[in-house]
Amino acid sequence: MSEIGTHTLRKTFGYHFYQKYKDVAVLQQIFNHSSPAVTMRYIGINQDIMDEAVDGFSL
């Protein structure tokens, strides 16, 4: 059985909080990050945006 660490839970909380409220400023304060961009990268939202853009792209 694999264990889930506190860091994984923290990032998962952040991801789902952002998906529900779209409030990166609150998450930035909760996580004590220096900028919204750091928070977005930390919770993986930037990667989601890039993945969606690439998935919808065709020539």
N, C-alpha and C. Protein backbone atom coordinates (compact mmCIF):
# COMPACT_ATOMS: atom_id res chain seq x y z
N MET A 1 0.85 -1.18 0.00
CA MET A 1 0.00 0.00 0.00
C MET A 1 0.89 1.24 0.00
N SER A 2 0.63 2.16 -0.93
CA SER A 2 1.45 3.37 -0.97
C SER A 2 0.88 4.41 0.00
N GLU A 3 1.78 5.20 0.53
CA GLU A 3 1.37 6.21 1.49
C GLU A 3 1.28 7.56 0.81
N ILE A 4 0.36 8.37 1.28
CA ILE A 4 0.19 9.72 0.77
C ILE A 4 0.75 10.68 1.83
N GLY A 5 1.71 11.49 1.41
CA GLY A 5 2.35 12.41 2.34
C GLY A 5 1.60 13.72 2.50
N THR A 6 2.02 14.49 3.46
CA THR A 6 1.38 15.78 3.72
C THR A 6 1.58 16.75 2.57
N HIS A 7 2.72 16.68 1.90
CA HIS A 7 2.96 17.58 0.77
C HIS A 7 1.97 17.29 -0.36
N THR A 8 1.73 16.04 -0.64
CA THR A 8 0.75 15.66 -1.66
C THR A 8 -0.64 16.18 -1.29
N LEU A 9 -1.01 16.03 -0.05
CA LEU A 9 -2.32 16.52 0.40
C LEU A 9 -2.42 18.04 0.29
N ARG A 10 -1.34 18.73 0.59
CA ARG A 10 -1.31 20.19 0.50
C ARG A 10 -1.52 20.64 -0.94
N LYS A 11 -0.82 20.02 -1.87
CA LYS A 11 -0.97 20.39 -3.27
C LYS A 11 -2.36 20.03 -3.80
N THR A 12 -2.87 18.88 -3.39
CA THR A 12 -4.21 18.45 -3.81
C THR A 12 -5.27 19.41 -3.28
N PHE A 13 -5.13 19.80 -2.02
CA PHE A 13 -6.05 20.80 -1.46
C PHE A 13 -6.03 22.07 -2.31
N GLY A 14 -4.83 22.56 -2.62
CA GLY A 14 -4.68 23.78 -3.40
C GLY A 14 -5.32 23.66 -4.78
N TYR A 15 -5.09 22.55 -5.43
CA TYR A 15 -5.65 22.33 -6.77
C TYR A 15 -7.18 22.38 -6.72
N HIS A 16 -7.76 21.65 -5.80
CA HIS A 16 -9.23 21.59 -5.72
C HIS A 16 -9.83 22.90 -5.22
N PHE A 17 -9.16 23.58 -4.31
CA PHE A 17 -9.62 24.89 -3.85
C PHE A 17 -9.66 25.85 -5.03
N TYR A 18 -8.61 25.85 -5.85
CA TYR A 18 -8.58 26.75 -7.01
C TYR A 18 -9.67 26.38 -8.01
N GLN A 19 -9.87 25.09 -8.26
CA GLN A 19 -10.91 24.67 -9.20
C GLN A 19 -12.29 25.13 -8.75
N LYS A 20 -12.53 25.14 -7.45
CA LYS A 20 -13.85 25.53 -6.94
C LYS A 20 -14.02 27.05 -6.87
N TYR A 21 -13.02 27.77 -6.35
CA TYR A 21 -13.18 29.20 -6.07
C TYR A 21 -12.44 30.13 -7.04
N LYS A 22 -11.49 29.61 -7.79
CA LYS A 22 -10.69 30.42 -8.73
C LYS A 22 -10.05 31.62 -8.03
N ASP A 23 -9.67 31.46 -6.78
CA ASP A 23 -9.09 32.57 -6.00
C ASP A 23 -7.64 32.26 -5.65
N VAL A 24 -6.76 32.62 -6.57
CA VAL A 24 -5.34 32.31 -6.37
C VAL A 24 -4.73 33.19 -5.28
N ALA A 25 -5.28 34.38 -5.04
CA ALA A 25 -4.74 35.27 -4.01
C ALA A 25 -4.87 34.65 -2.62
N VAL A 26 -5.99 34.01 -2.35
CA VAL A 26 -6.18 33.37 -1.04
C VAL A 26 -5.20 32.20 -0.91
N LEU A 27 -5.08 31.40 -1.95
CA LEU A 27 -4.13 30.29 -1.90
C LEU A 27 -2.70 30.77 -1.71
N GLN A 28 -2.35 31.86 -2.38
CA GLN A 28 -1.01 32.42 -2.25
C GLN A 28 -0.73 32.75 -0.78
N GLN A 29 -1.71 33.31 -0.11
CA GLN A 29 -1.53 33.62 1.32
C GLN A 29 -1.48 32.36 2.16
N ILE A 30 -2.35 31.39 1.87
CA ILE A 30 -2.35 30.14 2.63
C ILE A 30 -1.00 29.44 2.53
N PHE A 31 -0.45 29.42 1.31
CA PHE A 31 0.81 28.72 1.07
C PHE A 31 2.03 29.59 1.34
N ASN A 32 1.82 30.88 1.61
CA ASN A 32 2.91 31.82 1.84
C ASN A 32 3.87 31.88 0.65
N HIS A 33 3.29 31.93 -0.54
CA HIS A 33 4.08 32.05 -1.76
C HIS A 33 4.33 33.52 -2.08
N SER A 34 5.39 33.78 -2.84
CA SER A 34 5.78 35.15 -3.15
C SER A 34 4.95 35.79 -4.26
N SER A 35 4.29 34.97 -5.08
CA SER A 35 3.49 35.52 -6.18
C SER A 35 2.40 34.53 -6.60
N PRO A 36 1.36 35.03 -7.27
CA PRO A 36 0.33 34.13 -7.78
C PRO A 36 0.90 33.13 -8.78
N ALA A 37 1.89 33.53 -9.56
CA ALA A 37 2.49 32.62 -10.55
C ALA A 37 3.13 31.41 -9.87
N VAL A 38 3.77 31.64 -8.74
CA VAL A 38 4.38 30.53 -7.99
C VAL A 38 3.30 29.57 -7.52
N THR A 39 2.20 30.11 -7.03
CA THR A 39 1.09 29.28 -6.54
C THR A 39 0.48 28.47 -7.68
N MET A 40 0.25 29.11 -8.81
CA MET A 40 -0.34 28.42 -9.96
C MET A 40 0.55 27.27 -10.43
N ARG A 41 1.84 27.52 -10.48
CA ARG A 41 2.78 26.47 -10.89
C ARG A 41 2.79 25.34 -9.84
N TYR A 42 2.78 25.71 -8.58
CA TYR A 42 2.83 24.74 -7.48
C TYR A 42 1.66 23.77 -7.53
N ILE A 43 0.46 24.28 -7.80
CA ILE A 43 -0.72 23.40 -7.80
C ILE A 43 -0.99 22.76 -9.16
N GLY A 44 -0.16 23.10 -10.16
CA GLY A 44 -0.24 22.42 -11.45
C GLY A 44 -1.24 23.01 -12.42
N ILE A 45 -1.75 24.20 -12.13
CA ILE A 45 -2.74 24.80 -13.02
C ILE A 45 -2.10 25.21 -14.34
N ASN A 46 -0.89 25.73 -14.30
CA ASN A 46 -0.21 26.11 -15.54
C ASN A 46 -0.10 24.93 -16.48
N GLN A 47 0.22 23.76 -15.95
CA GLN A 47 0.34 22.57 -16.79
C GLN A 47 -1.01 22.20 -17.38
N ASP A 48 -2.08 22.31 -16.61
CA ASP A 48 -3.42 22.02 -17.12
C ASP A 48 -3.77 22.94 -18.29
N ILE A 49 -3.45 24.22 -18.15
CA ILE A 49 -3.74 25.19 -19.21
C ILE A 49 -2.96 24.84 -20.47
N MET A 50 -1.69 24.51 -20.32
CA MET A 50 -0.88 24.14 -21.48
C MET A 50 -1.38 22.85 -22.12
N ASP A 51 -1.75 21.88 -21.30
CA ASP A 51 -2.26 20.61 -21.84
C ASP A 51 -3.54 20.83 -22.65
N GLU A 52 -4.45 21.65 -22.14
CA GLU A 52 -5.69 21.93 -22.84
C GLU A 52 -5.43 22.64 -24.18
N ALA A 53 -4.50 23.57 -24.17
CA ALA A 53 -4.17 24.30 -25.38
C ALA A 53 -3.60 23.36 -26.45
N VAL A 54 -2.72 22.47 -26.04
CA VAL A 54 -2.09 21.55 -26.98
C VAL A 54 -3.11 20.51 -27.46
N ASP A 55 -3.95 20.02 -26.56
CA ASP A 55 -4.94 19.02 -26.95
C ASP A 55 -5.91 19.56 -28.00
N GLY A 56 -6.23 20.84 -27.92
CA GLY A 56 -7.17 21.42 -28.86
C GLY A 56 -6.54 21.94 -30.14
N PHE A 57 -5.24 21.81 -30.25
CA PHE A 57 -4.52 22.34 -31.42
C PHE A 57 -4.41 21.30 -32.54
N SER A 58 -4.67 21.75 -33.74
CA SER A 58 -4.45 20.86 -34.90
C SER A 58 -4.10 21.71 -36.09
N LEU A 59 -3.41 21.11 -37.04
CA LEU A 59 -3.03 21.81 -38.28
C LEU A 59 -3.95 21.43 -39.41
